[in-house]
Amino acid sequence: MSRSYPRFKAAACHAAPVFLDAAKTADKACDLIAEASRNGAKLVVFPESFIPGFPLWAALQAPIRSHDFFAALAGEAVLLDGPEIGKVRTAARRYASWSRSDH
């Protein structure tokens, strides 16, 4: 028995965040969602810890030497009901509607 699944285009955004700036990274995510939608994507995904960024420095030196980076990262942490994620949700809804109308 053969199954048929719906086909769709996905966009895997292999992009860097704006380093330790959650608000600007959220804006960048919204721009990438818009671009992906214009190119026919129905699903847009981002790297782990895109907002506020992945602490790559943790693998490069002892934590005591990168305390200031960790403090900055914690200061840029986002909440699910915060403004940064709210912007991304709004863009996702907007461009989901836009792509359904086949502009």
PDB file of N, CA and C in Angstrom:
ATOM      1  N   MET A   1       0.840  -1.180   0.000  1.00  0.00           N
ATOM      2  CA  MET A   1       0.000   0.000   0.000  1.00  0.00           C
ATOM      3  C   MET A   1       0.891   1.251   0.000  1.00  0.00           C
ATOM      4  N   SER A   2       0.732   2.059  -0.991  1.00  0.00           N
ATOM      5  CA  SER A   2       1.529   3.266  -1.144  1.00  0.00           C
ATOM      6  C   SER A   2       0.803   4.447  -0.502  1.00  0.00           C
ATOM      7  N   ARG A   3       1.572   5.286   0.212  1.00  0.00           N
ATOM      8  CA  ARG A   3       1.003   6.492   0.821  1.00  0.00           C
ATOM      9  C   ARG A   3       1.481   7.711   0.055  1.00  0.00           C
ATOM     10  N   SER A   4       0.638   8.682   0.015  1.00  0.00           N
ATOM     11  CA  SER A   4       0.985   9.940  -0.621  1.00  0.00           C
ATOM     12  C   SER A   4       1.015  11.023   0.454  1.00  0.00           C
ATOM     13  N   TYR A   5       2.105  11.736   0.532  1.00  0.00           N
ATOM     14  CA  TYR A   5       2.245  12.798   1.512  1.00  0.00           C
ATOM     15  C   TYR A   5       2.264  14.145   0.799  1.00  0.00           C
ATOM     16  N   PRO A   6       1.757  15.173   1.464  1.00  0.00           N
ATOM     17  CA  PRO A   6       1.793  16.498   0.835  1.00  0.00           C
ATOM     18  C   PRO A   6       3.238  16.962   0.663  1.00  0.00           C
ATOM     19  N   ARG A   7       3.481  17.664  -0.408  1.00  0.00           N
ATOM     20  CA  ARG A   7       4.808  18.198  -0.680  1.00  0.00           C
ATOM     21  C   ARG A   7       4.832  19.669  -0.296  1.00  0.00           C
ATOM     22  N   PHE A   8       5.971  20.103   0.195  1.00  0.00           N
ATOM     23  CA  PHE A   8       6.140  21.511   0.533  1.00  0.00           C
ATOM     24  C   PHE A   8       7.619  21.858   0.471  1.00  0.00           C
ATOM     25  N   LYS A   9       7.885  23.136   0.394  1.00  0.00           N
ATOM     26  CA  LYS A   9       9.268  23.615   0.382  1.00  0.00           C
ATOM     27  C   LYS A   9       9.612  24.103   1.787  1.00  0.00           C
ATOM     28  N   ALA A  10      10.782  23.676   2.270  1.00  0.00           N
ATOM     29  CA  ALA A  10      11.279  24.113   3.575  1.00  0.00           C
ATOM     30  C   ALA A  10      12.540  24.944   3.380  1.00  0.00           C
ATOM     31  N   ALA A  11      12.744  25.888   4.268  1.00  0.00           N
ATOM     32  CA  ALA A  11      13.953  26.709   4.244  1.00  0.00           C
ATOM     33  C   ALA A  11      14.709  26.487   5.549  1.00  0.00           C
ATOM     34  N   ALA A  12      15.918  25.972   5.445  1.00  0.00           N
ATOM     35  CA  ALA A  12      16.798  25.829   6.600  1.00  0.00           C
ATOM     36  C   ALA A  12      17.738  27.028   6.592  1.00  0.00           C
ATOM     37  N   CYS A  13      17.515  27.942   7.492  1.00  0.00           N
ATOM     38  CA  CYS A  13      18.285  29.191   7.513  1.00  0.00           C
ATOM     39  C   CYS A  13      19.631  28.967   8.189  1.00  0.00           C
ATOM     40  N   HIS A  14      20.627  28.733   7.390  1.00  0.00           N
ATOM     41  CA  HIS A  14      21.993  28.575   7.881  1.00  0.00           C
ATOM     42  C   HIS A  14      22.586  29.979   7.958  1.00  0.00           C
ATOM     43  N   ALA A  15      22.232  30.663   9.025  1.00  0.00           N
ATOM     44  CA  ALA A  15      22.598  32.068   9.170  1.00  0.00           C
ATOM     45  C   ALA A  15      23.128  32.312  10.571  1.00  0.00           C
ATOM     46  N   ALA A  16      23.972  33.290  10.689  1.00  0.00           N
ATOM     47  CA  ALA A  16      24.498  33.674  11.999  1.00  0.00           C
ATOM     48  C   ALA A  16      23.563  34.702  12.635  1.00  0.00           C
ATOM     49  N   PRO A  17      23.416  34.647  13.958  1.00  0.00           N
ATOM     50  CA  PRO A  17      22.651  35.690  14.633  1.00  0.00           C
ATOM     51  C   PRO A  17      23.456  36.986  14.675  1.00  0.00           C
ATOM     52  N   VAL A  18      22.818  38.060  15.084  1.00  0.00           N
ATOM     53  CA  VAL A  18      23.537  39.293  15.383  1.00  0.00           C
ATOM     54  C   VAL A  18      24.126  39.060  16.772  1.00  0.00           C
ATOM     55  N   PHE A  19      25.435  39.012  16.863  1.00  0.00           N
ATOM     56  CA  PHE A  19      26.131  38.564  18.063  1.00  0.00           C
ATOM     57  C   PHE A  19      25.630  39.252  19.324  1.00  0.00           C
ATOM     58  N   LEU A  20      25.081  38.444  20.227  1.00  0.00           N
ATOM     59  CA  LEU A  20      24.603  38.880  21.535  1.00  0.00           C
ATOM     60  C   LEU A  20      23.642  40.063  21.472  1.00  0.00           C
ATOM     61  N   ASP A  21      22.751  40.045  20.481  1.00  0.00           N
ATOM     62  CA  ASP A  21      21.728  41.082  20.360  1.00  0.00           C
ATOM     63  C   ASP A  21      20.420  40.411  19.955  1.00  0.00           C
ATOM     64  N   ALA A  22      19.627  40.058  20.959  1.00  0.00           N
ATOM     65  CA  ALA A  22      18.392  39.317  20.722  1.00  0.00           C
ATOM     66  C   ALA A  22      17.401  40.093  19.860  1.00  0.00           C
ATOM     67  N   ALA A  23      17.262  41.389  20.094  1.00  0.00           N
ATOM     68  CA  ALA A  23      16.295  42.194  19.337  1.00  0.00           C
ATOM     69  C   ALA A  23      16.670  42.252  17.854  1.00  0.00           C
ATOM     70  N   LYS A  24      17.935  42.508  17.566  1.00  0.00           N
ATOM     71  CA  LYS A  24      18.356  42.570  16.161  1.00  0.00           C
ATOM     72  C   LYS A  24      18.332  41.192  15.504  1.00  0.00           C
ATOM     73  N   THR A  25      18.601  40.144  16.286  1.00  0.00           N
ATOM     74  CA  THR A  25      18.526  38.797  15.732  1.00  0.00           C
ATOM     75  C   THR A  25      17.076  38.436  15.410  1.00  0.00           C
ATOM     76  N   ALA A  26      16.143  38.856  16.241  1.00  0.00           N
ATOM     77  CA  ALA A  26      14.722  38.622  15.949  1.00  0.00           C
ATOM     78  C   ALA A  26      14.332  39.347  14.663  1.00  0.00           C
ATOM     79  N   ASP A  27      14.803  40.570  14.487  1.00  0.00           N
ATOM     80  CA  ASP A  27      14.535  41.305  13.239  1.00  0.00           C
ATOM     81  C   ASP A  27      15.123  40.566  12.038  1.00  0.00           C
ATOM     82  N   LYS A  28      16.327  40.045  12.200  1.00  0.00           N
ATOM     83  CA  LYS A  28      16.968  39.285  11.118  1.00  0.00           C
ATOM     84  C   LYS A  28      16.157  38.032  10.801  1.00  0.00           C
ATOM     85  N   ALA A  29      15.665  37.359  11.835  1.00  0.00           N
ATOM     86  CA  ALA A  29      14.834  36.170  11.625  1.00  0.00           C
ATOM     87  C   ALA A  29      13.576  36.531  10.837  1.00  0.00           C
ATOM     88  N   CYS A  30      12.974  37.648  11.151  1.00  0.00           N
ATOM     89  CA  CYS A  30      11.772  38.089  10.430  1.00  0.00           C
ATOM     90  C   CYS A  30      12.090  38.355   8.960  1.00  0.00           C
ATOM     91  N   ASP A  31      13.226  38.982   8.697  1.00  0.00           N
ATOM     92  CA  ASP A  31      13.643  39.220   7.309  1.00  0.00           C
ATOM     93  C   ASP A  31      13.866  37.904   6.566  1.00  0.00           C
ATOM     94  N   LEU A  32      14.472  36.938   7.248  1.00  0.00           N
ATOM     95  CA  LEU A  32      14.719  35.634   6.621  1.00  0.00           C
ATOM     96  C   LEU A  32      13.419  34.868   6.376  1.00  0.00           C
ATOM     97  N   ILE A  33      12.463  35.002   7.278  1.00  0.00           N
ATOM     98  CA  ILE A  33      11.144  34.379   7.088  1.00  0.00           C
ATOM     99  C   ILE A  33      10.474  34.983   5.861  1.00  0.00           C
ATOM    100  N   ALA A  34      10.541  36.297   5.724  1.00  0.00           N
ATOM    101  CA  ALA A  34       9.941  36.969   4.567  1.00  0.00           C
ATOM    102  C   ALA A  34      10.594  36.504   3.271  1.00  0.00           C
ATOM    103  N   GLU A  35      11.925  36.455   3.254  1.00  0.00           N
ATOM    104  CA  GLU A  35      12.638  36.015   2.053  1.00  0.00           C
ATOM    105  C   GLU A  35      12.289  34.570   1.695  1.00  0.00           C
ATOM    106  N   ALA A  36      12.268  33.709   2.690  1.00  0.00           N
ATOM    107  CA  ALA A  36      11.946  32.303   2.441  1.00  0.00           C
ATOM    108  C   ALA A  36      10.527  32.158   1.905  1.00  0.00           C
ATOM    109  N   SER A  37       9.606  32.911   2.458  1.00  0.00           N
ATOM    110  CA  SER A  37       8.220  32.859   1.999  1.00  0.00           C
ATOM    111  C   SER A  37       8.092  33.332   0.557  1.00  0.00           C
ATOM    112  N   ARG A  38       8.790  34.418   0.227  1.00  0.00           N
ATOM    113  CA  ARG A  38       8.769  34.912  -1.161  1.00  0.00           C
ATOM    114  C   ARG A  38       9.296  33.862  -2.138  1.00  0.00           C
ATOM    115  N   ASN A  39      10.151  32.979  -1.643  1.00  0.00           N
ATOM    116  CA  ASN A  39      10.720  31.927  -2.480  1.00  0.00           C
ATOM    117  C   ASN A  39       9.964  30.608  -2.351  1.00  0.00           C
ATOM    118  N   GLY A  40       8.770  30.650  -1.771  1.00  0.00           N
ATOM    119  CA  GLY A  40       7.887  29.501  -1.746  1.00  0.00           C
ATOM    120  C   GLY A  40       7.987  28.582  -0.551  1.00  0.00           C
ATOM    121  N   ALA A  41       8.769  28.934   0.467  1.00  0.00           N
ATOM    122  CA  ALA A  41       8.897  28.071   1.639  1.00  0.00           C
ATOM    123  C   ALA A  41       7.630  28.116   2.483  1.00  0.00           C
ATOM    124  N   LYS A  42       7.222  26.956   2.930  1.00  0.00           N
ATOM    125  CA  LYS A  42       6.073  26.844   3.836  1.00  0.00           C
ATOM    126  C   LYS A  42       6.531  26.562   5.264  1.00  0.00           C
ATOM    127  N   LEU A  43       7.783  26.141   5.426  1.00  0.00           N
ATOM    128  CA  LEU A  43       8.386  25.863   6.723  1.00  0.00           C
ATOM    129  C   LEU A  43       9.752  26.531   6.744  1.00  0.00           C
ATOM    130  N   VAL A  44      10.012  27.306   7.801  1.00  0.00           N
ATOM    131  CA  VAL A  44      11.291  28.009   7.939  1.00  0.00           C
ATOM    132  C   VAL A  44      11.873  27.624   9.294  1.00  0.00           C
ATOM    133  N   VAL A  45      13.106  27.127   9.289  1.00  0.00           N
ATOM    134  CA  VAL A  45      13.746  26.710  10.540  1.00  0.00           C
ATOM    135  C   VAL A  45      15.075  27.429  10.722  1.00  0.00           C
ATOM    136  N   PHE A  46      15.460  27.570  11.990  1.00  0.00           N
ATOM    137  CA  PHE A  46      16.685  28.272  12.359  1.00  0.00           C
ATOM    138  C   PHE A  46      17.566  27.367  13.202  1.00  0.00           C
ATOM    139  N   PRO A  47      18.861  27.700  13.299  1.00  0.00           N
ATOM    140  CA  PRO A  47      19.779  26.897  14.111  1.00  0.00           C
ATOM    141  C   PRO A  47      19.410  26.924  15.597  1.00  0.00           C
ATOM    142  N   GLU A  48      19.881  25.924  16.298  1.00  0.00           N
ATOM    143  CA  GLU A  48      19.723  25.869  17.746  1.00  0.00           C
ATOM    144  C   GLU A  48      20.281  27.150  18.356  1.00  0.00           C
ATOM    145  N   SER A  49      19.563  27.700  19.291  1.00  0.00           N
ATOM    146  CA  SER A  49      19.997  28.907  20.014  1.00  0.00           C
ATOM    147  C   SER A  49      20.243  30.096  19.102  1.00  0.00           C
ATOM    148  N   PHE A  50      19.488  30.201  18.027  1.00  0.00           N
ATOM    149  CA  PHE A  50      19.666  31.328  17.100  1.00  0.00           C
ATOM    150  C   PHE A  50      19.496  32.655  17.836  1.00  0.00           C
ATOM    151  N   ILE A  51      18.485  32.715  18.680  1.00  0.00           N
ATOM    152  CA  ILE A  51      18.273  33.905  19.511  1.00  0.00           C
ATOM    153  C   ILE A  51      18.566  33.482  20.950  1.00  0.00           C
ATOM    154  N   PRO A  52      19.497  34.053  21.638  1.00  0.00           N
ATOM    155  CA  PRO A  52      20.349  35.174  21.312  1.00  0.00           C
ATOM    156  C   PRO A  52      21.690  34.786  20.691  1.00  0.00           C
ATOM    157  N   GLY A  53      21.931  33.513  20.495  1.00  0.00           N
ATOM    158  CA  GLY A  53      23.190  33.047  19.907  1.00  0.00           C
ATOM    159  C   GLY A  53      23.709  31.843  20.669  1.00  0.00           C
ATOM    160  N   PHE A  54      24.511  31.060  20.003  1.00  0.00           N
ATOM    161  CA  PHE A  54      25.076  29.862  20.623  1.00  0.00           C
ATOM    162  C   PHE A  54      26.433  30.199  21.232  1.00  0.00           C
ATOM    163  N   PRO A  55      26.678  29.792  22.476  1.00  0.00           N
ATOM    164  CA  PRO A  55      27.929  30.152  23.155  1.00  0.00           C
ATOM    165  C   PRO A  55      29.111  29.297  22.697  1.00  0.00           C
ATOM    166  N   LEU A  56      29.534  29.508  21.478  1.00  0.00           N
ATOM    167  CA  LEU A  56      30.641  28.751  20.918  1.00  0.00           C
ATOM    168  C   LEU A  56      31.910  28.903  21.754  1.00  0.00           C
ATOM    169  N   TRP A  57      32.082  30.063  22.368  1.00  0.00           N
ATOM    170  CA  TRP A  57      33.280  30.310  23.161  1.00  0.00           C
ATOM    171  C   TRP A  57      33.427  29.313  24.303  1.00  0.00           C
ATOM    172  N   ALA A  58      32.345  28.671  24.743  1.00  0.00           N
ATOM    173  CA  ALA A  58      32.407  27.719  25.848  1.00  0.00           C
ATOM    174  C   ALA A  58      33.317  26.538  25.530  1.00  0.00           C
ATOM    175  N   ALA A  59      33.453  26.219  24.249  1.00  0.00           N
ATOM    176  CA  ALA A  59      34.314  25.111  23.845  1.00  0.00           C
ATOM    177  C   ALA A  59      35.748  25.561  23.585  1.00  0.00           C
ATOM    178  N   LEU A  60      35.999  26.843  23.644  1.00  0.00           N
ATOM    179  CA  LEU A  60      37.309  27.362  23.273  1.00  0.00           C
ATOM    180  C   LEU A  60      38.197  27.725  24.457  1.00  0.00           C
ATOM    181  N   GLN A  61      37.576  28.010  25.593  1.00  0.00           N
ATOM    182  CA  GLN A  61      38.375  28.384  26.762  1.00  0.00           C
ATOM    183  C   GLN A  61      37.604  28.079  28.037  1.00  0.00           C
ATOM    184  N   ALA A  62      38.302  28.095  29.139  1.00  0.00           N
ATOM    185  CA  ALA A  62      37.686  27.806  30.434  1.00  0.00           C
ATOM    186  C   ALA A  62      36.609  28.847  30.744  1.00  0.00           C
ATOM    187  N   PRO A  63      35.499  28.422  31.375  1.00  0.00           N
ATOM    188  CA  PRO A  63      34.402  29.356  31.684  1.00  0.00           C
ATOM    189  C   PRO A  63      34.841  30.596  32.461  1.00  0.00           C
ATOM    190  N   ILE A  64      35.822  30.458  33.337  1.00  0.00           N
ATOM    191  CA  ILE A  64      36.277  31.614  34.112  1.00  0.00           C
ATOM    192  C   ILE A  64      36.845  32.705  33.214  1.00  0.00           C
ATOM    193  N   ARG A  65      37.357  32.312  32.046  1.00  0.00           N
ATOM    194  CA  ARG A  65      37.937  33.288  31.120  1.00  0.00           C
ATOM    195  C   ARG A  65      36.884  33.936  30.211  1.00  0.00           C
ATOM    196  N   SER A  66      35.698  33.353  30.176  1.00  0.00           N
ATOM    197  CA  SER A  66      34.652  33.893  29.297  1.00  0.00           C
ATOM    198  C   SER A  66      33.407  34.310  30.080  1.00  0.00           C
ATOM    199  N   HIS A  67      33.609  34.609  31.357  1.00  0.00           N
ATOM    200  CA  HIS A  67      32.484  34.995  32.213  1.00  0.00           C
ATOM    201  C   HIS A  67      31.706  36.184  31.639  1.00  0.00           C
ATOM    202  N   ASP A  68      32.401  37.162  31.112  1.00  0.00           N
ATOM    203  CA  ASP A  68      31.720  38.345  30.575  1.00  0.00           C
ATOM    204  C   ASP A  68      30.821  37.982  29.395  1.00  0.00           C
ATOM    205  N   PHE A  69      31.264  37.039  28.570  1.00  0.00           N
ATOM    206  CA  PHE A  69      30.416  36.587  27.452  1.00  0.00           C
ATOM    207  C   PHE A  69      29.166  35.886  27.970  1.00  0.00           C
ATOM    208  N   PHE A  70      29.337  35.029  28.998  1.00  0.00           N
ATOM    209  CA  PHE A  70      28.171  34.337  29.558  1.00  0.00           C
ATOM    210  C   PHE A  70      27.202  35.328  30.201  1.00  0.00           C
ATOM    211  N   ALA A  71      27.731  36.339  30.859  1.00  0.00           N
ATOM    212  CA  ALA A  71      26.871  37.365  31.457  1.00  0.00           C
ATOM    213  C   ALA A  71      26.100  38.107  30.365  1.00  0.00           C
ATOM    214  N   ALA A  72      26.775  38.427  29.266  1.00  0.00           N
ATOM    215  CA  ALA A  72      26.105  39.109  28.149  1.00  0.00           C
ATOM    216  C   ALA A  72      25.048  38.203  27.519  1.00  0.00           C
ATOM    217  N   LEU A  73      25.372  36.917  27.388  1.00  0.00           N
ATOM    218  CA  LEU A  73      24.408  35.957  26.828  1.00  0.00           C
ATOM    219  C   LEU A  73      23.164  35.869  27.716  1.00  0.00           C
ATOM    220  N   ALA A  74      23.366  35.772  29.008  1.00  0.00           N
ATOM    221  CA  ALA A  74      22.230  35.710  29.941  1.00  0.00           C
ATOM    222  C   ALA A  74      21.394  36.985  29.861  1.00  0.00           C
ATOM    223  N   GLY A  75      22.063  38.111  29.678  1.00  0.00           N
ATOM    224  CA  GLY A  75      21.354  39.384  29.563  1.00  0.00           C
ATOM    225  C   GLY A  75      20.503  39.488  28.304  1.00  0.00           C
ATOM    226  N   GLU A  76      20.815  38.682  27.296  1.00  0.00           N
ATOM    227  CA  GLU A  76      20.070  38.689  26.033  1.00  0.00           C
ATOM    228  C   GLU A  76      19.068  37.536  25.931  1.00  0.00           C
ATOM    229  N   ALA A  77      18.897  36.783  27.019  1.00  0.00           N
ATOM    230  CA  ALA A  77      17.951  35.665  27.011  1.00  0.00           C
ATOM    231  C   ALA A  77      16.548  36.169  26.691  1.00  0.00           C
ATOM    232  N   VAL A  78      15.787  35.344  25.995  1.00  0.00           N
ATOM    233  CA  VAL A  78      14.425  35.728  25.600  1.00  0.00           C
ATOM    234  C   VAL A  78      13.406  34.839  26.299  1.00  0.00           C
ATOM    235  N   LEU A  79      12.202  35.355  26.424  1.00  0.00           N
ATOM    236  CA  LEU A  79      11.079  34.609  26.975  1.00  0.00           C
ATOM    237  C   LEU A  79      10.125  34.251  25.839  1.00  0.00           C
ATOM    238  N   LEU A  80       9.448  33.133  25.972  1.00  0.00           N
ATOM    239  CA  LEU A  80       8.510  32.728  24.920  1.00  0.00           C
ATOM    240  C   LEU A  80       7.423  33.771  24.686  1.00  0.00           C
ATOM    241  N   ASP A  81       7.043  34.486  25.739  1.00  0.00           N
ATOM    242  CA  ASP A  81       6.013  35.524  25.570  1.00  0.00           C
ATOM    243  C   ASP A  81       6.629  36.928  25.502  1.00  0.00           C
ATOM    244  N   GLY A  82       7.933  37.004  25.238  1.00  0.00           N
ATOM    245  CA  GLY A  82       8.615  38.285  25.153  1.00  0.00           C
ATOM    246  C   GLY A  82       8.504  38.920  23.771  1.00  0.00           C
ATOM    247  N   PRO A  83       8.994  40.131  23.628  1.00  0.00           N
ATOM    248  CA  PRO A  83       8.851  40.863  22.366  1.00  0.00           C
ATOM    249  C   PRO A  83       9.603  40.253  21.188  1.00  0.00           C
ATOM    250  N   GLU A  84      10.759  39.646  21.446  1.00  0.00           N
ATOM    251  CA  GLU A  84      11.534  39.082  20.334  1.00  0.00           C
ATOM    252  C   GLU A  84      10.795  37.908  19.693  1.00  0.00           C
ATOM    253  N   ILE A  85      10.345  36.989  20.501  1.00  0.00           N
ATOM    254  CA  ILE A  85       9.613  35.832  19.971  1.00  0.00           C
ATOM    255  C   ILE A  85       8.261  36.279  19.416  1.00  0.00           C
ATOM    256  N   GLY A  86       7.678  37.315  20.016  1.00  0.00           N
ATOM    257  CA  GLY A  86       6.436  37.874  19.489  1.00  0.00           C
ATOM    258  C   GLY A  86       6.604  38.371  18.066  1.00  0.00           C
ATOM    259  N   LYS A  87       7.724  39.043  17.783  1.00  0.00           N
ATOM    260  CA  LYS A  87       8.002  39.511  16.416  1.00  0.00           C
ATOM    261  C   LYS A  87       8.108  38.340  15.442  1.00  0.00           C
ATOM    262  N   VAL A  88       8.820  37.301  15.862  1.00  0.00           N
ATOM    263  CA  VAL A  88       9.006  36.136  14.996  1.00  0.00           C
ATOM    264  C   VAL A  88       7.665  35.442  14.747  1.00  0.00           C
ATOM    265  N   ARG A  89       6.859  35.316  15.775  1.00  0.00           N
ATOM    266  CA  ARG A  89       5.526  34.714  15.610  1.00  0.00           C
ATOM    267  C   ARG A  89       4.671  35.531  14.646  1.00  0.00           C
ATOM    268  N   THR A  90       4.718  36.837  14.802  1.00  0.00           N
ATOM    269  CA  THR A  90       3.937  37.716  13.916  1.00  0.00           C
ATOM    270  C   THR A  90       4.378  37.546  12.463  1.00  0.00           C
ATOM    271  N   ALA A  91       5.688  37.507  12.244  1.00  0.00           N
ATOM    272  CA  ALA A  91       6.200  37.320  10.878  1.00  0.00           C
ATOM    273  C   ALA A  91       5.771  35.961  10.328  1.00  0.00           C
ATOM    274  N   ALA A  92       5.841  34.930  11.151  1.00  0.00           N
ATOM    275  CA  ALA A  92       5.444  33.592  10.702  1.00  0.00           C
ATOM    276  C   ALA A  92       3.972  33.580  10.287  1.00  0.00           C
ATOM    277  N   ARG A  93       3.129  34.196  11.105  1.00  0.00           N
ATOM    278  CA  ARG A  93       1.692  34.262  10.758  1.00  0.00           C
ATOM    279  C   ARG A  93       1.475  35.088   9.494  1.00  0.00           C
ATOM    280  N   ARG A  94       2.138  36.223   9.419  1.00  0.00           N
ATOM    281  CA  ARG A  94       1.965  37.114   8.262  1.00  0.00           C
ATOM    282  C   ARG A  94       2.358  36.417   6.967  1.00  0.00           C
ATOM    283  N   TYR A  95       3.517  35.805   6.960  1.00  0.00           N
ATOM    284  CA  TYR A  95       4.000  35.199   5.726  1.00  0.00           C
ATOM    285  C   TYR A  95       3.367  33.854   5.444  1.00  0.00           C
ATOM    286  N   ALA A  96       2.805  33.189   6.458  1.00  0.00           N
ATOM    287  CA  ALA A  96       2.024  31.977   6.198  1.00  0.00           C
ATOM    288  C   ALA A  96       0.773  32.375   5.421  1.00  0.00           C
ATOM    289  N   SER A  97       0.144  33.476   5.820  1.00  0.00           N
ATOM    290  CA  SER A  97      -1.035  33.971   5.103  1.00  0.00           C
ATOM    291  C   SER A  97      -0.646  34.433   3.708  1.00  0.00           C
ATOM    292  N   TRP A  98       0.491  35.103   3.603  1.00  0.00           N
ATOM    293  CA  TRP A  98       0.957  35.618   2.317  1.00  0.00           C
ATOM    294  C   TRP A  98       1.210  34.471   1.345  1.00  0.00           C
ATOM    295  N   SER A  99       1.847  33.413   1.820  1.00  0.00           N
ATOM    296  CA  SER A  99       2.167  32.301   0.908  1.00  0.00           C
ATOM    297  C   SER A  99       0.927  31.505   0.527  1.00  0.00           C
ATOM    298  N   ARG A 100      -0.091  31.488   1.375  1.00  0.00           N
ATOM    299  CA  ARG A 100      -1.322  30.779   1.028  1.00  0.00           C
ATOM    300  C   ARG A 100      -2.082  31.493  -0.087  1.00  0.00           C
ATOM    301  N   SER A 101      -1.909  32.816  -0.170  1.00  0.00           N
ATOM    302  CA  SER A 101      -2.631  33.557  -1.200  1.00  0.00           C
ATOM    303  C   SER A 101      -1.892  33.564  -2.543  1.00  0.00           C
ATOM    304  N   ASP A 102      -0.724  32.882  -2.581  1.00  0.00           N
ATOM    305  CA  ASP A 102       0.053  32.695  -3.804  1.00  0.00           C
ATOM    306  C   ASP A 102       0.354  34.010  -4.533  1.00  0.00           C
ATOM    307  N   HIS A 103       0.994  34.935  -3.845  1.00  0.00           N
ATOM    308  CA  HIS A 103       1.441  36.192  -4.471  1.00  0.00           C
ATOM    309  C   HIS A 103       2.603  35.941  -5.383  1.00  0.00           C
TER     310      HIS A 103
END
